Structure formats: C-alpha cells, structure tokens
Amino acid sequence: MPSDLLLKFFPVPKFLQPRAVGLDISDHSIKFLELLKTETSFKLSRVGEVAVPVGVVDGGELKNPEEFKKILIELRKKWHFDNVSISLPDDHAYTFHLMLPLMRKEEIAGSIELQIEEYVPLPATEVVFDFNLVEPGASPNQIEVGVSAISRKIVEDYQAIFASAGFNLLAISTQGSGVAKTLTEKGRKEEIVIVDLGKNHTAIFWVKNGTMVHSATALVGGEAITNNLQKVLKIDFAEAEKIKMDKGLLRSDENKMAFEAMVPVASAIREEIERRVNFWLDQEKMSLADLEQIILVGGQALLPGLVEYLGSHFGRPVILGNPWLKIFSDKQKVTELSYNEAMRYCTAIGLALRDF
C-alpha cells in the first residue's frame, strides 16, 4: 500500500508516475528538494527554501490562502517545476497502530474505516487516511498496520490551492512519514524513536520496522533555548544563537552560565520526549529496553552536547540521523547541501525518495 494519501483516490501505476519535487511545508517555511537518479547513483537537482510569513500557515492549516498562493506562484515561477509531493506538519494529523485479523489487502482500508472514530475525534466521512503494513508483523495470525489520518478539509484546501497556483499535486503525506522514509529501512526489524527538533516545535515519531506507528508534537523547540539564553545573559538574539550553536550543552567553566541558562529548556524538551515515549511503551506493553535507539534530526539537533545530554537520561543510544542514508555513501561529499543543512531537509528528502 503506498504511503501517500492522495494515491488512495488517484492510484497511478508506478511506471507512469511523473517525478516529483518534495515540498516540506511548515508554519514558517517551504523546503523543497528534487532527486535525479543516474545509472549508478543519485544526484541533487533543485533544492532550496522559501519563507512563509507568520500567520499564513498555523499547525498545517491554511489561515491566509491568498498569501500562500502568492508564495507558491513565485516558487513555481523561479524554480520551474510542476509536479510536487507535499508533507504537512503532524500537528493536526493522527497516527495510530492497529492489529487486524487476517484478511485480503483490499479489505484492510474498509476495516480501518470502521474503527477510525475510536482514534480520531472526527467523523469518518471527514477524514482522509492511509496505512502502511508493518512487516514483519508481530504475529503470523494478524495484520499489523500504522495508520495516518488528516482532516479531509485540510487535504482539500491544499489540493485547491496547489491547483490554483498551477502545480500538479501528486501526493500529500505527514511530516513523520517523510522523515521515516529518509532514516529507516522498510522491513528491518527495529523499534526506534525519531525526534525532529525544529525552531518552534519538536516532533516525535515511533517507527516500527520502517513504518511510523505513533506521532506527537510539542510546542517547544530550539528558539526557546536561544530566548532563555538571551534573557539570562542579557545579550541580543544573534549572539545568543551563536553561543547556543557553538558551545551548546558542553560542560566547562567557560560555558557555565550559558549551560545553566540552556538546561531548563533542554530539560523541558527531554521531558516531552520522555512523556510521549513512556505513553507509547505503555500502549505497546513494552519496556525501554525494547527501544533500539533514538535518532535526532532537524537543525536544532546539532546543538553541541545534546546527544550526550539526552543519552544520559534515557539510557538508550541517542544518535544524530543520517539524511543521506539511502542516497549517498559516507565517503561522498555533497557540495549542494551540507550535512548540517541536510538535517533540516529530512522530510523533503523522504518525499523525493517516494519516486525511487
């Protein structure tokens, strides 16, 4: 089953699907990335980012459609692409894990639809959903699926606005689906948590064998660390941001005041991750020992000392993600997009990978 919500309604044979540029839409920006494949490797084609003014998009909802349309028209005019796959923030998406009795594949969607109102606070008629099989599943006598659902109105609003701006919208998915595709191998047996640390929010995803089965967002991110640093040290925002990204949570006499200013917010982020993970562990009847690792992505994940700080509290391996896992070898130098920048493009990379 494809992981793209629109393809449920407009299925296209794989060999007929046009290549698409991946667009990662957030409240503050649109990041886009296009992959091309040669006989032996991938290469980056078009890649970039455009700002979205405050208030135009809120939690994935279009609050100012006309302004957003202007941004899209300008994007298309400047970069000359038509076919796009987009992701929306998980703020208004619902992700859940289901165990179903054995049935034919074509019966799975109907079975999910009968149960969806138990997991989504909307009537089934007002929801667009899709699912991915968890393979291998936990039981040979059941079908295991991860389900993602979005308000039908939100989906239709984006369909209309992209069409009016001249784009061919091929697929809509959630942020978590894109990130999971970038960082995990489908069918590899593992339970991992991915944390996408942004400026203003933190997205948390539970991925089982390459399929996202839970997601959550917390309204705290790296900018809150900068703001606290600015307030405590009485410095301007730019200087606070530089100290944060240069020194981070590294313990030293020189960094003592900055460390103490950053820890309260870092602790709040850690507690949000911990709260969600413990809730999911309880749901899945699992222990922390069953969790293989926690992977950090996003521009704010590069904060020095953050990996060690989180690792010391969770007692499980915490690592930085590899955005190029499926695209470039470790020895390849990607001149078009540095590793630090690519950490911010994990969702867009996953969207671009859907064609390959």
Protein backbone atom coordinates (compact mmCIF):
# COMPACT_ATOMS: atom_id res chain seq x y z
CA MET A 1 0.00 0.00 0.00
CA PRO A 2 1.52 3.38 -0.93
CA SER A 3 2.13 5.81 1.90
CA ASP A 4 0.66 8.79 0.04
CA LEU A 5 -2.81 9.90 0.99
CA LEU A 6 -3.91 11.17 -2.40
CA LEU A 7 -2.86 7.99 -4.17
CA LYS A 8 -5.66 6.19 -2.33
CA PHE A 9 -8.09 8.18 -4.51
CA PHE A 10 -6.00 8.55 -7.64
CA PRO A 11 -3.89 5.39 -7.98
CA VAL A 12 -1.27 5.62 -10.73
CA PRO A 13 0.87 2.72 -11.96
CA LYS A 14 4.42 3.22 -10.67
CA PHE A 15 5.97 3.27 -14.13
CA LEU A 16 3.60 6.07 -15.20
CA GLN A 17 4.17 8.32 -12.20
CA PRO A 18 5.99 11.55 -13.06
CA ARG A 19 8.96 12.52 -10.90
CA ALA A 20 8.02 14.94 -8.14
CA VAL A 21 9.80 17.58 -6.10
CA GLY A 22 9.37 17.03 -2.37
CA LEU A 23 7.91 20.04 -0.53
CA ASP A 24 8.09 20.11 3.27
CA ILE A 25 5.54 22.68 4.46
CA SER A 26 5.80 24.14 7.95
CA ASP A 27 4.35 27.23 9.62
CA HIS A 28 7.47 29.24 8.77
CA SER A 29 8.90 27.86 5.52
CA ILE A 30 8.64 25.60 2.50
CA LYS A 31 11.70 23.45 1.90
CA PHE A 32 11.94 21.73 -1.48
CA LEU A 33 14.24 19.06 -2.86
CA GLU A 34 14.42 17.08 -6.07
CA LEU A 35 16.40 13.89 -6.68
CA LEU A 36 17.61 12.57 -10.00
CA LYS A 37 18.99 9.09 -10.49
CA THR A 38 21.78 8.12 -12.84
CA GLU A 39 22.70 4.55 -13.70
CA THR A 40 24.86 4.21 -10.61
CA SER A 41 23.89 6.92 -8.14
CA PHE A 42 21.63 9.77 -7.10
CA LYS A 43 22.27 13.45 -7.53
CA LEU A 44 20.56 16.51 -6.15
CA SER A 45 18.76 18.68 -8.64
CA ARG A 46 16.73 21.60 -7.34
CA VAL A 47 16.88 22.35 -3.62
CA GLY A 48 16.04 25.40 -1.54
CA GLU A 49 13.80 27.10 0.98
CA VAL A 50 11.32 29.97 0.95
CA ALA A 51 9.99 31.78 3.99
CA VAL A 52 6.32 31.69 4.96
CA PRO A 53 5.23 34.81 6.91
CA VAL A 54 3.84 34.32 10.41
CA GLY A 55 0.11 33.58 10.42
CA VAL A 56 -0.17 32.27 6.84
CA VAL A 57 0.00 28.63 7.97
CA ASP A 58 -0.74 27.51 11.52
CA GLY A 59 -0.12 23.90 12.51
CA GLY A 60 -0.54 22.90 8.87
CA GLU A 61 -3.86 24.74 8.43
CA LEU A 62 -4.06 27.42 5.75
CA LYS A 63 -5.04 30.63 7.55
CA ASN A 64 -4.27 33.01 4.67
CA PRO A 65 -4.78 31.07 1.43
CA GLU A 66 -4.26 34.03 -0.88
CA GLU A 67 -0.87 34.89 0.62
CA PHE A 68 0.15 31.22 0.47
CA LYS A 69 -0.93 31.07 -3.17
CA LYS A 70 1.32 34.05 -3.97
CA ILE A 71 4.27 32.21 -2.38
CA LEU A 72 3.54 29.12 -4.46
CA ILE A 73 3.20 31.07 -7.71
CA GLU A 74 6.53 32.81 -7.08
CA LEU A 75 8.17 29.46 -6.20
CA ARG A 76 6.95 27.88 -9.44
CA LYS A 77 7.97 30.91 -11.49
CA LYS A 78 11.51 30.96 -10.08
CA TRP A 79 12.30 27.23 -9.95
CA HIS A 80 10.26 25.91 -12.91
CA PHE A 81 8.75 22.70 -11.55
CA ASP A 82 5.15 21.50 -11.68
CA ASN A 83 4.94 18.02 -10.10
CA VAL A 84 5.10 18.04 -6.30
CA SER A 85 4.59 15.74 -3.33
CA ILE A 86 3.99 17.62 -0.11
CA SER A 87 4.07 16.93 3.60
CA LEU A 88 2.07 18.68 6.27
CA PRO A 89 3.05 19.14 9.93
CA ASP A 90 1.78 16.40 12.24
CA ASP A 91 0.04 18.94 14.50
CA HIS A 92 -3.37 18.11 13.00
CA ALA A 93 -2.59 14.57 11.89
CA TYR A 94 -3.50 11.43 13.79
CA THR A 95 -1.22 8.40 13.76
CA PHE A 96 -2.07 5.11 15.41
CA HIS A 97 -1.12 1.44 15.48
CA LEU A 98 -3.64 -1.33 14.74
CA MET A 99 -3.66 -5.11 14.87
CA LEU A 100 -6.23 -6.58 12.47
CA PRO A 101 -7.37 -10.14 11.84
CA LEU A 102 -6.04 -11.79 8.70
CA MET A 103 -7.83 -10.50 5.58
CA ARG A 104 -7.22 -9.68 1.95
CA LYS A 105 -5.24 -6.47 1.30
CA GLU A 106 -8.19 -4.88 -0.44
CA GLU A 107 -10.27 -5.31 2.73
CA ILE A 108 -7.86 -3.52 5.08
CA ALA A 109 -8.98 0.05 4.32
CA GLY A 110 -12.61 -0.82 4.98
CA SER A 111 -11.72 -2.44 8.29
CA ILE A 112 -9.74 0.63 9.38
CA GLU A 113 -12.59 2.95 8.37
CA LEU A 114 -14.99 1.07 10.65
CA GLN A 115 -12.66 1.72 13.62
CA ILE A 116 -11.24 5.13 12.80
CA GLU A 117 -13.56 7.16 15.03
CA GLU A 118 -12.09 5.34 18.04
CA TYR A 119 -8.75 7.03 17.30
CA VAL A 120 -9.66 10.26 15.52
CA PRO A 121 -12.02 12.91 17.01
CA LEU A 122 -13.74 13.45 13.67
CA PRO A 123 -16.49 11.59 11.78
CA ALA A 124 -15.07 9.02 9.36
CA THR A 125 -16.58 10.96 6.44
CA GLU A 126 -14.45 13.99 7.36
CA VAL A 127 -11.12 12.15 7.39
CA VAL A 128 -8.64 11.09 4.73
CA PHE A 129 -6.45 8.23 5.91
CA ASP A 130 -3.79 5.88 4.65
CA PHE A 131 -1.91 2.96 6.12
CA ASN A 132 1.33 1.04 5.82
CA LEU A 133 1.84 -2.59 6.70
CA VAL A 134 4.31 -3.29 9.48
CA GLU A 135 6.50 -6.03 8.04
CA PRO A 136 7.46 -8.36 9.54
CA GLY A 137 4.44 -8.16 11.82
CA ALA A 138 4.29 -9.19 15.46
CA SER A 139 2.03 -12.18 14.82
CA PRO A 140 1.55 -14.55 11.86
CA ASN A 141 -2.16 -14.62 12.70
CA GLN A 142 -2.72 -10.86 12.45
CA ILE A 143 -2.08 -7.92 10.15
CA GLU A 144 -0.18 -5.05 11.73
CA VAL A 145 -0.59 -1.53 10.32
CA GLY A 146 0.41 2.05 11.03
CA VAL A 147 -2.38 4.46 10.13
CA SER A 148 -2.12 8.21 9.41
CA ALA A 149 -5.23 10.38 9.14
CA ILE A 150 -5.75 14.04 8.26
CA SER A 151 -8.89 16.19 8.16
CA ARG A 152 -10.47 15.95 4.71
CA LYS A 153 -10.94 19.74 4.72
CA ILE A 154 -7.21 20.35 5.20
CA VAL A 155 -6.39 17.95 2.35
CA GLU A 156 -8.95 19.53 0.02
CA ASP A 157 -7.74 23.05 0.90
CA TYR A 158 -4.21 22.11 -0.18
CA GLN A 159 -5.45 20.38 -3.32
CA ALA A 160 -7.31 23.53 -4.31
CA ILE A 161 -4.51 25.99 -3.52
CA PHE A 162 -1.83 23.99 -5.37
CA ALA A 163 -4.10 23.55 -8.39
CA SER A 164 -4.86 27.29 -8.46
CA ALA A 165 -1.10 28.03 -8.37
CA GLY A 166 -0.53 25.76 -11.39
CA PHE A 167 1.04 22.76 -9.63
CA ASN A 168 0.31 19.10 -10.19
CA LEU A 169 -0.07 17.80 -6.64
CA LEU A 170 0.73 14.09 -6.73
CA ALA A 171 0.65 13.19 -3.05
CA ILE A 172 0.09 14.51 0.46
CA SER A 173 1.68 12.83 3.44
CA THR A 174 2.61 13.69 7.01
CA GLN A 175 5.95 15.02 8.17
CA GLY A 176 6.63 11.81 10.09
CA SER A 177 6.13 9.60 7.03
CA GLY A 178 8.73 11.61 5.12
CA VAL A 179 11.26 11.52 7.94
CA ALA A 180 10.77 7.77 8.50
CA LYS A 181 11.34 7.06 4.79
CA THR A 182 14.61 9.01 4.88
CA LEU A 183 16.06 7.46 8.02
CA THR A 184 14.84 3.86 8.16
CA GLU A 185 14.83 0.73 6.04
CA LYS A 186 11.42 -0.82 5.38
CA GLY A 187 11.23 -4.34 6.78
CA ARG A 188 14.28 -4.04 9.02
CA LYS A 189 13.16 -5.33 12.40
CA GLU A 190 13.68 -2.48 14.85
CA GLU A 191 11.78 -0.19 17.21
CA ILE A 192 13.12 3.37 17.10
CA VAL A 193 12.05 6.86 18.06
CA ILE A 194 12.86 9.78 15.76
CA VAL A 195 12.91 13.28 17.21
CA ASP A 196 12.79 16.20 14.76
CA LEU A 197 13.96 19.28 16.64
CA GLY A 198 12.85 22.49 14.98
CA LYS A 199 12.97 26.13 15.97
CA ASN A 200 9.49 26.30 17.44
CA HIS A 201 8.33 22.75 17.94
CA THR A 202 9.57 19.22 18.47
CA ALA A 203 8.06 16.34 16.51
CA ILE A 204 8.35 12.82 17.94
CA PHE A 205 7.75 9.66 15.91
CA TRP A 206 7.74 5.97 16.83
CA VAL A 207 8.82 3.85 13.87
CA LYS A 208 8.45 0.07 13.83
CA ASN A 209 10.24 -1.89 11.09
CA GLY A 210 10.28 1.20 8.88
CA THR A 211 6.62 2.12 9.41
CA MET A 212 5.52 5.06 11.58
CA VAL A 213 3.00 3.86 14.17
CA HIS A 214 2.80 6.82 16.58
CA SER A 215 3.46 10.56 16.37
CA ALA A 216 3.22 13.61 18.61
CA THR A 217 4.32 17.24 18.64
CA ALA A 218 5.42 19.50 21.47
CA LEU A 219 5.30 23.29 21.20
CA VAL A 220 8.85 23.85 22.34
CA GLY A 221 11.98 23.98 20.20
CA GLY A 222 15.45 25.37 19.82
CA GLU A 223 14.39 29.01 19.63
CA ALA A 224 13.16 28.80 23.24
CA ILE A 225 16.72 27.87 24.26
CA THR A 226 18.04 30.94 22.44
CA ASN A 227 15.42 33.17 24.05
CA ASN A 228 16.29 31.96 27.54
CA LEU A 229 20.00 32.42 26.85
CA GLN A 230 19.35 35.95 25.59
CA LYS A 231 17.33 36.78 28.69
CA VAL A 232 19.76 35.36 31.27
CA LEU A 233 22.98 36.66 29.68
CA LYS A 234 21.37 39.98 28.61
CA ILE A 235 22.66 39.73 25.04
CA ASP A 236 21.00 40.12 21.65
CA PHE A 237 19.34 37.23 19.81
CA ALA A 238 22.10 36.77 17.21
CA GLU A 239 24.80 36.49 19.87
CA ALA A 240 22.67 34.08 21.92
CA GLU A 241 22.11 31.90 18.86
CA LYS A 242 25.83 31.81 18.14
CA ILE A 243 26.68 30.78 21.71
CA LYS A 244 24.00 28.10 21.59
CA MET A 245 25.25 26.52 18.37
CA ASP A 246 28.96 26.93 19.20
CA LYS A 247 29.01 25.90 22.87
CA GLY A 248 25.64 24.22 23.44
CA LEU A 249 25.32 21.91 26.40
CA LEU A 250 29.04 21.25 26.72
CA ARG A 251 30.11 21.41 30.35
CA SER A 252 33.04 23.71 31.05
CA ASP A 253 33.91 26.59 33.39
CA GLU A 254 33.85 28.93 30.43
CA ASN A 255 30.37 27.75 29.40
CA LYS A 256 28.89 27.50 32.92
CA MET A 257 26.46 30.45 32.76
CA ALA A 258 25.30 29.61 29.24
CA PHE A 259 24.88 25.94 30.16
CA GLU A 260 22.74 26.83 33.18
CA ALA A 261 20.60 29.13 31.02
CA MET A 262 20.02 26.43 28.37
CA VAL A 263 19.40 23.42 30.61
CA PRO A 264 15.84 24.37 31.75
CA VAL A 265 14.56 24.44 28.15
CA ALA A 266 16.59 21.39 27.12
CA SER A 267 15.11 19.63 30.14
CA ALA A 268 11.58 20.62 29.06
CA ILE A 269 12.23 19.13 25.59
CA ARG A 270 13.62 15.96 27.18
CA GLU A 271 10.56 15.65 29.43
CA GLU A 272 8.22 15.99 26.44
CA ILE A 273 10.07 13.21 24.60
CA GLU A 274 10.12 11.05 27.73
CA ARG A 275 6.41 11.56 28.38
CA ARG A 276 5.42 10.53 24.85
CA VAL A 277 7.79 7.57 24.74
CA ASN A 278 6.60 6.25 28.11
CA PHE A 279 2.97 6.58 27.00
CA TRP A 280 3.65 4.60 23.81
CA LEU A 281 5.66 1.98 25.69
CA ASP A 282 2.67 1.50 27.97
CA GLN A 283 0.33 1.23 24.97
CA GLU A 284 2.56 -1.32 23.28
CA LYS A 285 3.17 -3.22 26.55
CA MET A 286 6.91 -2.80 26.05
CA SER A 287 9.83 -1.64 28.16
CA LEU A 288 12.50 0.93 27.39
CA ALA A 289 14.93 -1.93 26.76
CA ASP A 290 12.87 -2.85 23.67
CA LEU A 291 13.65 0.54 22.11
CA GLU A 292 16.71 0.17 19.90
CA GLN A 293 17.69 3.84 19.67
CA ILE A 294 16.58 7.45 19.49
CA ILE A 295 17.54 9.34 16.32
CA LEU A 296 17.78 13.13 16.32
CA VAL A 297 17.23 15.23 13.20
CA GLY A 298 16.40 18.85 12.44
CA GLY A 299 18.64 21.90 12.56
CA GLN A 300 18.39 22.18 16.33
CA ALA A 301 19.57 18.59 16.82
CA LEU A 302 23.09 19.83 16.05
CA LEU A 303 23.32 21.62 19.40
CA PRO A 304 26.70 20.52 20.86
CA GLY A 305 26.28 18.17 23.81
CA LEU A 306 22.60 17.45 23.15
CA VAL A 307 23.16 13.84 22.10
CA GLU A 308 25.13 13.15 25.29
CA TYR A 309 22.60 15.03 27.46
CA LEU A 310 19.64 13.03 26.17
CA GLY A 311 21.56 9.76 26.13
CA SER A 312 22.49 10.11 29.80
CA HIS A 313 18.83 10.47 30.76
CA PHE A 314 17.22 7.84 28.53
CA GLY A 315 19.74 5.07 29.00
CA ARG A 316 19.31 4.11 25.33
CA PRO A 317 21.58 5.01 22.41
CA VAL A 318 20.90 8.52 21.10
CA ILE A 319 22.44 9.36 17.74
CA LEU A 320 22.29 12.02 15.05
CA GLY A 321 20.43 10.88 11.95
CA ASN A 322 21.98 10.42 8.52
CA PRO A 323 19.85 12.29 5.95
CA TRP A 324 21.83 10.70 3.09
CA LEU A 325 21.41 7.10 4.31
CA LYS A 326 19.66 5.92 1.14
CA ILE A 327 21.24 8.35 -1.30
CA PHE A 328 24.96 8.94 -0.84
CA SER A 329 27.75 6.89 0.71
CA ASP A 330 29.64 8.19 3.74
CA LYS A 331 32.63 8.94 1.52
CA GLN A 332 30.68 11.12 -0.93
CA LYS A 333 30.86 14.87 -0.45
CA VAL A 334 27.55 16.57 -1.21
CA THR A 335 28.53 20.06 -2.31
CA GLU A 336 24.96 21.23 -2.99
CA LEU A 337 23.79 20.71 0.60
CA SER A 338 26.00 20.30 3.65
CA TYR A 339 25.24 17.66 6.29
CA ASN A 340 24.12 20.38 8.72
CA GLU A 341 21.70 21.78 6.15
CA ALA A 342 20.52 18.32 5.10
CA MET A 343 19.47 17.67 8.71
CA ARG A 344 16.76 20.28 8.12
CA TYR A 345 15.65 18.60 4.88
CA CYS A 346 14.89 15.07 6.13
CA THR A 347 11.16 15.33 5.35
CA ALA A 348 11.73 16.77 1.85
CA ILE A 349 14.30 14.04 1.13
CA GLY A 350 11.78 11.35 2.11
CA LEU A 351 9.17 12.89 -0.17
CA ALA A 352 11.61 12.96 -3.08
CA LEU A 353 12.53 9.31 -2.41
CA ARG A 354 8.94 8.13 -2.97
CA ASP A 355 9.67 8.02 -6.71
CA PHE A 356 12.52 5.52 -6.37
